[in-house]
C-alpha atoms as a PDB file:
ATOM      1  CA  MET A   1     -30.175  44.288  51.191  1.00  0.00           C
ATOM      2  CA  GLN A   2     -29.505  41.594  53.824  1.00  0.00           C
ATOM      3  CA  VAL A   3     -32.373  39.449  52.470  1.00  0.00           C
ATOM      4  CA  SER A   4     -30.973  39.710  48.964  1.00  0.00           C
ATOM      5  CA  THR A   5     -27.535  38.632  50.197  1.00  0.00           C
ATOM      6  CA  TYR A   6     -29.057  35.695  52.097  1.00  0.00           C
ATOM      7  CA  GLU A   7     -31.025  34.565  49.036  1.00  0.00           C
ATOM      8  CA  SER A   8     -27.889  34.863  46.940  1.00  0.00           C
ATOM      9  CA  GLU A   9     -25.952  32.680  49.367  1.00  0.00           C
ATOM     10  CA  ILE A  10     -28.733  30.060  49.351  1.00  0.00           C
ATOM     11  CA  ALA A  11     -28.769  30.042  45.536  1.00  0.00           C
ATOM     12  CA  GLU A  12     -25.003  29.620  45.449  1.00  0.00           C
ATOM     13  CA  LYS A  13     -25.205  26.718  47.923  1.00  0.00           C
ATOM     14  CA  ASN A  14     -27.881  25.049  45.795  1.00  0.00           C
ATOM     15  CA  ASN A  15     -25.730  25.446  42.721  1.00  0.00           C
ATOM     16  CA  GLN A  16     -22.776  23.886  44.520  1.00  0.00           C
ATOM     17  CA  ILE A  17     -24.936  20.939  45.625  1.00  0.00           C
ATOM     18  CA  ALA A  18     -26.258  20.464  42.080  1.00  0.00           C
ATOM     19  CA  GLU A  19     -22.711  20.550  40.654  1.00  0.00           C
ATOM     20  CA  LYS A  20     -21.597  18.028  43.276  1.00  0.00           C
ATOM     21  CA  ASP A  21     -24.481  15.714  42.366  1.00  0.00           C
ATOM     22  CA  ILE A  22     -23.466  15.892  38.691  1.00  0.00           C
ATOM     23  CA  GLU A  23     -19.844  15.184  39.620  1.00  0.00           C
ATOM     24  CA  ILE A  24     -20.858  12.147  41.693  1.00  0.00           C
ATOM     25  CA  LYS A  25     -23.078  10.886  38.880  1.00  0.00           C
ATOM     26  CA  ASN A  26     -20.303  11.277  36.320  1.00  0.00           C
ATOM     27  CA  SER A  27     -17.817   9.546  38.609  1.00  0.00           C
ATOM     28  CA  LYS A  28     -20.257   6.665  39.052  1.00  0.00           C
ATOM     29  CA  GLN A  29     -20.657   6.364  35.271  1.00  0.00           C
ATOM     30  CA  LYS A  30     -16.872   6.342  34.839  1.00  0.00           C
ATOM     31  CA  ALA A  31     -16.523   3.747  37.579  1.00  0.00           C
ATOM     32  CA  ASP A  32     -19.113   1.563  35.862  1.00  0.00           C
ATOM     33  CA  THR A  33     -17.226   1.889  32.581  1.00  0.00           C
ATOM     34  CA  TYR A  34     -13.876   0.999  34.132  1.00  0.00           C
ATOM     35  CA  GLU A  35     -15.450  -1.897  36.022  1.00  0.00           C
ATOM     36  CA  SER A  36     -16.802  -3.266  32.735  1.00  0.00           C
ATOM     37  CA  VAL A  37     -13.274  -3.042  31.330  1.00  0.00           C
ATOM     38  CA  LEU A  38     -11.861  -4.873  34.312  1.00  0.00           C
ATOM     39  CA  THR A  39     -14.449  -7.626  34.039  1.00  0.00           C
ATOM     40  CA  GLY A  40     -13.829  -7.973  30.321  1.00  0.00           C
ATOM     41  CA  GLU A  41     -17.319  -7.079  29.145  1.00  0.00           C
ATOM     42  CA  VAL A  42     -16.506  -4.205  26.784  1.00  0.00           C
ATOM     43  CA  THR A  43     -16.168  -4.829  23.054  1.00  0.00           C
ATOM     44  CA  GLU A  44     -14.970  -1.355  22.007  1.00  0.00           C
ATOM     45  CA  PHE A  45     -13.126   1.343  23.930  1.00  0.00           C
ATOM     46  CA  VAL A  46     -11.915   4.847  23.094  1.00  0.00           C
ATOM     47  CA  ILE A  47      -9.120   6.016  25.380  1.00  0.00           C
ATOM     48  CA  PRO A  48     -10.038   9.407  26.915  1.00  0.00           C
ATOM     49  CA  SER A  49      -7.900  12.316  25.720  1.00  0.00           C
ATOM     50  CA  GLY A  50      -6.687  13.029  29.254  1.00  0.00           C
ATOM     51  CA  TRP A  51      -4.922   9.697  29.654  1.00  0.00           C
ATOM     52  CA  THR A  52      -1.134   9.660  29.214  1.00  0.00           C
ATOM     53  CA  GLU A  53      -0.556   6.008  30.106  1.00  0.00           C
ATOM     54  CA  ILE A  54      -2.324   2.671  29.680  1.00  0.00           C
ATOM     55  CA  ARG A  55      -1.522   1.255  33.086  1.00  0.00           C
ATOM     56  CA  ARG A  56      -0.381  -2.227  34.036  1.00  0.00           C
ATOM     57  CA  GLY A  57      -3.063  -4.785  33.195  1.00  0.00           C
ATOM     58  CA  ALA A  58      -5.643  -2.118  32.335  1.00  0.00           C
ATOM     59  CA  PHE A  59      -7.351  -4.381  29.781  1.00  0.00           C
ATOM     60  CA  ASN A  60      -6.000  -7.682  31.026  1.00  0.00           C
ATOM     61  CA  ALA A  61      -8.068 -10.627  29.738  1.00  0.00           C
ATOM     62  CA  CYS A  62     -10.735  -8.427  28.141  1.00  0.00           C
ATOM     63  CA  THR A  63     -11.527 -11.313  25.835  1.00  0.00           C
ATOM     64  CA  LYS A  64     -14.467  -9.539  24.135  1.00  0.00           C
ATOM     65  CA  LEU A  65     -12.513  -6.401  23.235  1.00  0.00           C
ATOM     66  CA  THR A  66     -12.283  -6.149  19.433  1.00  0.00           C
ATOM     67  CA  SER A  67     -11.426  -2.476  18.965  1.00  0.00           C
ATOM     68  CA  VAL A  68      -9.498   0.112  20.964  1.00  0.00           C
ATOM     69  CA  THR A  69      -8.658   3.651  19.884  1.00  0.00           C
ATOM     70  CA  LEU A  70      -5.655   5.269  21.551  1.00  0.00           C
ATOM     71  CA  SER A  71      -5.669   9.018  22.067  1.00  0.00           C
ATOM     72  CA  ASP A  72      -2.754  11.176  20.936  1.00  0.00           C
ATOM     73  CA  SER A  73      -2.026  12.012  24.575  1.00  0.00           C
ATOM     74  CA  ILE A  74      -0.827   8.467  25.348  1.00  0.00           C
ATOM     75  CA  THR A  75       2.945   8.190  25.844  1.00  0.00           C
ATOM     76  CA  THR A  76       3.280   4.788  27.558  1.00  0.00           C
ATOM     77  CA  ILE A  77       1.620   1.406  27.136  1.00  0.00           C
ATOM     78  CA  GLY A  78       2.185  -0.433  30.398  1.00  0.00           C
ATOM     79  CA  VAL A  79       3.153  -3.978  31.337  1.00  0.00           C
ATOM     80  CA  THR A  80       0.435  -6.505  30.316  1.00  0.00           C
ATOM     81  CA  ALA A  81      -1.813  -3.583  29.294  1.00  0.00           C
ATOM     82  CA  PHE A  82      -3.649  -5.679  26.677  1.00  0.00           C
ATOM     83  CA  ASN A  83      -2.565  -9.076  27.947  1.00  0.00           C
ATOM     84  CA  PHE A  84      -4.790 -11.885  26.578  1.00  0.00           C
ATOM     85  CA  CYS A  85      -7.169  -9.593  24.700  1.00  0.00           C
ATOM     86  CA  SER A  86      -7.839 -12.591  22.504  1.00  0.00           C
ATOM     87  CA  SER A  87     -10.434 -10.898  20.244  1.00  0.00           C
ATOM     88  CA  LEU A  88      -8.427  -7.738  19.500  1.00  0.00           C
ATOM     89  CA  GLU A  89      -7.696  -7.726  15.747  1.00  0.00           C
ATOM     90  CA  SER A  90      -5.890  -4.449  15.109  1.00  0.00           C
ATOM     91  CA  ILE A  91      -4.356  -1.488  16.884  1.00  0.00           C
ATOM     92  CA  ASN A  92      -2.706   1.742  15.839  1.00  0.00           C
ATOM     93  CA  ILE A  93       0.087   3.033  18.077  1.00  0.00           C
ATOM     94  CA  PRO A  94      -0.117   6.800  17.479  1.00  0.00           C
ATOM     95  CA  ASP A  95       2.594   9.440  17.364  1.00  0.00           C
ATOM     96  CA  GLY A  96       3.547  10.383  20.892  1.00  0.00           C
ATOM     97  CA  VAL A  97       3.859   6.868  22.296  1.00  0.00           C
ATOM     98  CA  THR A  98       7.494   6.468  23.322  1.00  0.00           C
ATOM     99  CA  GLU A  99       7.440   3.213  25.283  1.00  0.00           C
ATOM    100  CA  ILE A 100       5.683  -0.148  25.049  1.00  0.00           C
ATOM    101  CA  ARG A 101       6.458  -2.220  28.141  1.00  0.00           C
ATOM    102  CA  ASP A 102       6.861  -5.960  28.775  1.00  0.00           C
ATOM    103  CA  ASN A 103       4.080  -8.299  27.614  1.00  0.00           C
ATOM    104  CA  ALA A 104       1.904  -5.378  26.545  1.00  0.00           C
ATOM    105  CA  PHE A 105       0.149  -7.456  23.853  1.00  0.00           C
ATOM    106  CA  TYR A 106       1.021 -10.923  25.133  1.00  0.00           C
ATOM    107  CA  GLY A 107      -1.489 -13.532  23.999  1.00  0.00           C
ATOM    108  CA  CYS A 108      -3.445 -11.294  21.614  1.00  0.00           C
ATOM    109  CA  ALA A 109      -4.119 -14.344  19.474  1.00  0.00           C
ATOM    110  CA  SER A 110      -6.428 -12.559  16.976  1.00  0.00           C
ATOM    111  CA  LEU A 111      -4.178  -9.543  16.406  1.00  0.00           C
ATOM    112  CA  VAL A 112      -3.557  -9.252  12.652  1.00  0.00           C
ATOM    113  CA  ASN A 113      -2.816  -5.592  11.941  1.00  0.00           C
ATOM    114  CA  MET A 114      -0.587  -3.207  13.872  1.00  0.00           C
ATOM    115  CA  THR A 115       0.922   0.192  13.171  1.00  0.00           C
ATOM    116  CA  ILE A 116       3.831   1.301  15.345  1.00  0.00           C
ATOM    117  CA  SER A 117       4.831   4.960  15.219  1.00  0.00           C
ATOM    118  CA  ASN A 118       8.476   5.883  14.805  1.00  0.00           C
ATOM    119  CA  THR A 119       8.206   7.822  18.081  1.00  0.00           C
ATOM    120  CA  VAL A 120       8.461   4.513  19.979  1.00  0.00           C
ATOM    121  CA  ALA A 121      11.955   4.534  21.466  1.00  0.00           C
ATOM    122  CA  LYS A 122      11.740   1.645  23.933  1.00  0.00           C
ATOM    123  CA  LEU A 123      10.204  -1.808  23.658  1.00  0.00           C
ATOM    124  CA  GLY A 124       9.908  -4.235  26.539  1.00  0.00           C
ATOM    125  CA  LYS A 125      10.315  -7.997  26.467  1.00  0.00           C
ATOM    126  CA  SER A 126       7.782 -10.367  24.902  1.00  0.00           C
ATOM    127  CA  VAL A 127       5.602  -7.515  23.649  1.00  0.00           C
ATOM    128  CA  PHE A 128       4.138  -9.690  20.870  1.00  0.00           C
ATOM    129  CA  THR A 129       4.597 -13.181  22.328  1.00  0.00           C
ATOM    130  CA  ASN A 130       1.778 -15.536  21.246  1.00  0.00           C
ATOM    131  CA  CYS A 131       0.510 -13.000  18.698  1.00  0.00           C
ATOM    132  CA  SER A 132       0.664 -15.779  16.142  1.00  0.00           C
ATOM    133  CA  LYS A 133      -1.665 -14.166  13.563  1.00  0.00           C
ATOM    134  CA  LEU A 134       0.219 -10.908  13.129  1.00  0.00           C
ATOM    135  CA  THR A 135       0.336 -10.397   9.372  1.00  0.00           C
ATOM    136  CA  ASN A 136       0.590  -6.678   8.699  1.00  0.00           C
ATOM    137  CA  VAL A 137       2.985  -4.658  10.834  1.00  0.00           C
ATOM    138  CA  THR A 138       3.588  -1.118   9.648  1.00  0.00           C
ATOM    139  CA  LEU A 139       6.567   0.699  11.129  1.00  0.00           C
ATOM    140  CA  GLY A 140       6.731   4.470  11.009  1.00  0.00           C
ATOM    141  CA  ASP A 141       9.315   5.732   8.526  1.00  0.00           C
ATOM    142  CA  GLY A 142      12.639   6.142  10.329  1.00  0.00           C
ATOM    143  CA  PHE A 143      11.779   3.554  12.983  1.00  0.00           C
ATOM    144  CA  ASN A 144      14.740   3.539  15.347  1.00  0.00           C
ATOM    145  CA  CYS A 145      13.853   1.203  18.210  1.00  0.00           C
ATOM    146  CA  ASN A 146      16.305  -1.500  19.235  1.00  0.00           C
ATOM    147  CA  GLY A 147      15.008  -4.913  20.301  1.00  0.00           C
ATOM    148  CA  LEU A 148      11.907  -5.244  18.111  1.00  0.00           C
ATOM    149  CA  ASP A 149      10.988  -8.957  18.164  1.00  0.00           C
ATOM    150  CA  LEU A 150       8.498 -10.036  15.505  1.00  0.00           C
ATOM    151  CA  SER A 151       9.361 -13.736  15.657  1.00  0.00           C
ATOM    152  CA  PRO A 152       6.114 -14.904  17.351  1.00  0.00           C
ATOM    153  CA  SER A 153       4.323 -14.735  13.990  1.00  0.00           C
ATOM    154  CA  THR A 154       5.260 -16.452  10.730  1.00  0.00           C
ATOM    155  CA  LYS A 155       2.383 -14.888   8.768  1.00  0.00           C
ATOM    156  CA  TYR A 156       4.305 -11.953   7.296  1.00  0.00           C
ATOM    157  CA  GLY A 157       4.559 -11.786   3.533  1.00  0.00           C
ATOM    158  CA  VAL A 158       7.800 -10.770   1.845  1.00  0.00           C
ATOM    159  CA  ASP A 159       6.307  -7.368   0.986  1.00  0.00           C
ATOM    160  CA  THR A 160       5.611  -6.717   4.666  1.00  0.00           C
ATOM    161  CA  LEU A 161       9.099  -7.829   5.675  1.00  0.00           C
ATOM    162  CA  VAL A 162      10.674  -5.629   3.011  1.00  0.00           C
ATOM    163  CA  ALA A 163       8.537  -2.687   4.105  1.00  0.00           C
ATOM    164  CA  MET A 164       9.687  -3.154   7.701  1.00  0.00           C
ATOM    165  CA  LEU A 165      13.325  -3.202   6.601  1.00  0.00           C
ATOM    166  CA  THR A 166      13.002  -0.104   4.464  1.00  0.00           C
ATOM    167  CA  ALA A 167      11.257   1.762   7.297  1.00  0.00           C
ATOM    168  CA  LEU A 168      14.216   1.302   9.645  1.00  0.00           C
ATOM    169  CA  ALA A 169      16.344   4.350  10.315  1.00  0.00           C
ATOM    170  CA  ASP A 170      19.824   4.420   8.811  1.00  0.00           C
ATOM    171  CA  ARG A 171      22.094   3.891  11.812  1.00  0.00           C
ATOM    172  CA  THR A 172      25.414   4.185  10.013  1.00  0.00           C
ATOM    173  CA  GLY A 173      28.011   5.313  12.534  1.00  0.00           C
ATOM    174  CA  GLN A 174      25.782   4.497  15.503  1.00  0.00           C
ATOM    175  CA  THR A 175      25.647   1.630  17.994  1.00  0.00           C
ATOM    176  CA  ALA A 176      24.776  -1.853  16.679  1.00  0.00           C
ATOM    177  CA  TYR A 177      21.073  -2.493  16.264  1.00  0.00           C
ATOM    178  CA  ILE A 178      19.195  -5.777  16.685  1.00  0.00           C
ATOM    179  CA  LEU A 179      15.870  -6.744  15.139  1.00  0.00           C
ATOM    180  CA  THR A 180      14.533 -10.277  15.639  1.00  0.00           C
ATOM    181  CA  LEU A 181      12.314 -11.703  12.908  1.00  0.00           C
ATOM    182  CA  GLY A 182      12.390 -15.445  13.587  1.00  0.00           C
ATOM    183  CA  ALA A 183      13.786 -18.345  11.587  1.00  0.00           C
ATOM    184  CA  THR A 184      10.833 -18.714   9.205  1.00  0.00           C
ATOM    185  CA  ASN A 185      10.757 -15.024   8.366  1.00  0.00           C
ATOM    186  CA  LEU A 186      14.520 -15.076   7.945  1.00  0.00           C
ATOM    187  CA  ALA A 187      14.197 -17.884   5.390  1.00  0.00           C
ATOM    188  CA  LYS A 188      11.685 -15.807   3.414  1.00  0.00           C
ATOM    189  CA  LEU A 189      14.139 -12.912   3.249  1.00  0.00           C
ATOM    190  CA  ILE A 190      17.025 -15.140   2.205  1.00  0.00           C
ATOM    191  CA  LEU A 191      14.913 -16.500  -0.652  1.00  0.00           C
ATOM    192  CA  ALA A 192      14.039 -12.952  -1.668  1.00  0.00           C
ATOM    193  CA  LYS A 193      17.605 -11.673  -1.276  1.00  0.00           C
ATOM    194  CA  THR A 194      18.146 -11.050  -5.001  1.00  0.00           C
ATOM    195  CA  ARG A 195      14.933  -9.073  -5.198  1.00  0.00           C
ATOM    196  CA  LEU A 196      15.815  -7.097  -2.094  1.00  0.00           C
ATOM    197  CA  GLN A 197      19.223  -6.153  -3.425  1.00  0.00           C
ATOM    198  CA  ALA A 198      17.505  -4.631  -6.447  1.00  0.00           C
ATOM    199  CA  LEU A 199      15.795  -2.098  -4.179  1.00  0.00           C
ATOM    200  CA  LEU A 200      17.372   1.248  -3.427  1.00  0.00           C
ATOM    201  CA  LEU A 201      18.155   0.493   0.201  1.00  0.00           C
ATOM    202  CA  SER A 202      20.417   2.451   2.510  1.00  0.00           C
ATOM    203  CA  SER A 203      23.917   1.099   3.138  1.00  0.00           C
ATOM    204  CA  ALA A 204      22.842   0.122   6.645  1.00  0.00           C
ATOM    205  CA  ILE A 205      20.017  -2.047   5.313  1.00  0.00           C
ATOM    206  CA  GLU A 206      22.255  -3.613   2.657  1.00  0.00           C
ATOM    207  CA  SER A 207      24.711  -4.563   5.403  1.00  0.00           C
ATOM    208  CA  SER A 208      21.857  -6.158   7.323  1.00  0.00           C
ATOM    209  CA  LEU A 209      21.120  -8.423   4.360  1.00  0.00           C
ATOM    210  CA  LEU A 210      24.694  -9.690   4.505  1.00  0.00           C
ATOM    211  CA  ALA A 211      24.217 -10.258   8.213  1.00  0.00           C
ATOM    212  CA  ILE A 212      21.146 -12.377   7.463  1.00  0.00           C
ATOM    213  CA  VAL A 213      23.300 -14.806   5.497  1.00  0.00           C
ATOM    214  CA  GLN A 214      26.121 -14.706   8.029  1.00  0.00           C
ATOM    215  CA  CYS A 215      23.889 -15.363  11.043  1.00  0.00           C
ATOM    216  CA  SER A 216      21.501 -17.660   9.199  1.00  0.00           C
ATOM    217  CA  ILE A 217      19.596 -20.502  10.807  1.00  0.00           C
ATOM    218  CA  THR A 218      22.663 -22.713  11.176  1.00  0.00           C
ATOM    219  CA  THR A 219      24.367 -20.347  13.588  1.00  0.00           C
ATOM    220  CA  ARG A 220      21.348 -19.017  15.480  1.00  0.00           C
ATOM    221  CA  ILE A 221      18.747 -21.780  15.643  1.00  0.00           C
ATOM    222  CA  GLY A 222      15.260 -20.367  16.125  1.00  0.00           C
ATOM    223  CA  TYR A 223      16.313 -16.766  15.751  1.00  0.00           C
ATOM    224  CA  ALA A 224      16.878 -14.474  12.840  1.00  0.00           C
ATOM    225  CA  ILE A 225      19.102 -11.668  14.004  1.00  0.00           C
ATOM    226  CA  ILE A 226      19.470  -8.739  11.674  1.00  0.00           C
ATOM    227  CA  CYS A 227      22.436  -6.671  12.783  1.00  0.00           C
ATOM    228  CA  ILE A 228      22.305  -3.220  11.271  1.00  0.00           C
ATOM    229  CA  LYS A 229      25.997  -2.637  10.654  1.00  0.00           C
ATOM    230  CA  THR A 230      27.735   0.616  11.538  1.00  0.00           C
ATOM    231  CA  SER A 231      30.152   0.500   8.616  1.00  0.00           C
END
């Protein structure tokens, strides 16, 4: 009976050692992966499902990164998270992300397509600065985030601009809302004003079109401020 117990204890110890070896091996593999991210060698990356935040500078200057898939568990994209990922062409911000912090996509010079969920409630400063190729930005229906600045790119077509306007939440009766599009994009909307008025837009969006004319380039050089009116 004692021998059997001793053998059992030895077997359990061996199992523990084997499990520890596997854990060390897995940790080493993860460390190698994260090191390759830090040195900018990865070209594609799938965010593990356990992550809740892309931390500050996590992919900073990963100039070879062309594709990244965010897991549904992510709630925060940190400061400079994808700073200078100059080969990144598209990204989908999934439901569940509530905050995108300062300079998160600063200098993503190849970024063309982006989808931003309507769960995003807070945007930092200069999130899209130097993202000069942004062409297709899709906002989740009912987008309600103050301070969205899309002025760094002048590549948006009128259809994209209209789609962004119609996706905005109706804020009638709420605090004033500011969306910055940039002077060139503003001019496109002014030219398309007749067409836009023909759409079935909410009263809040219609008021914003009047604000476009009122603010115009002459009063706010370099900036197109769309003020979503509360009345």
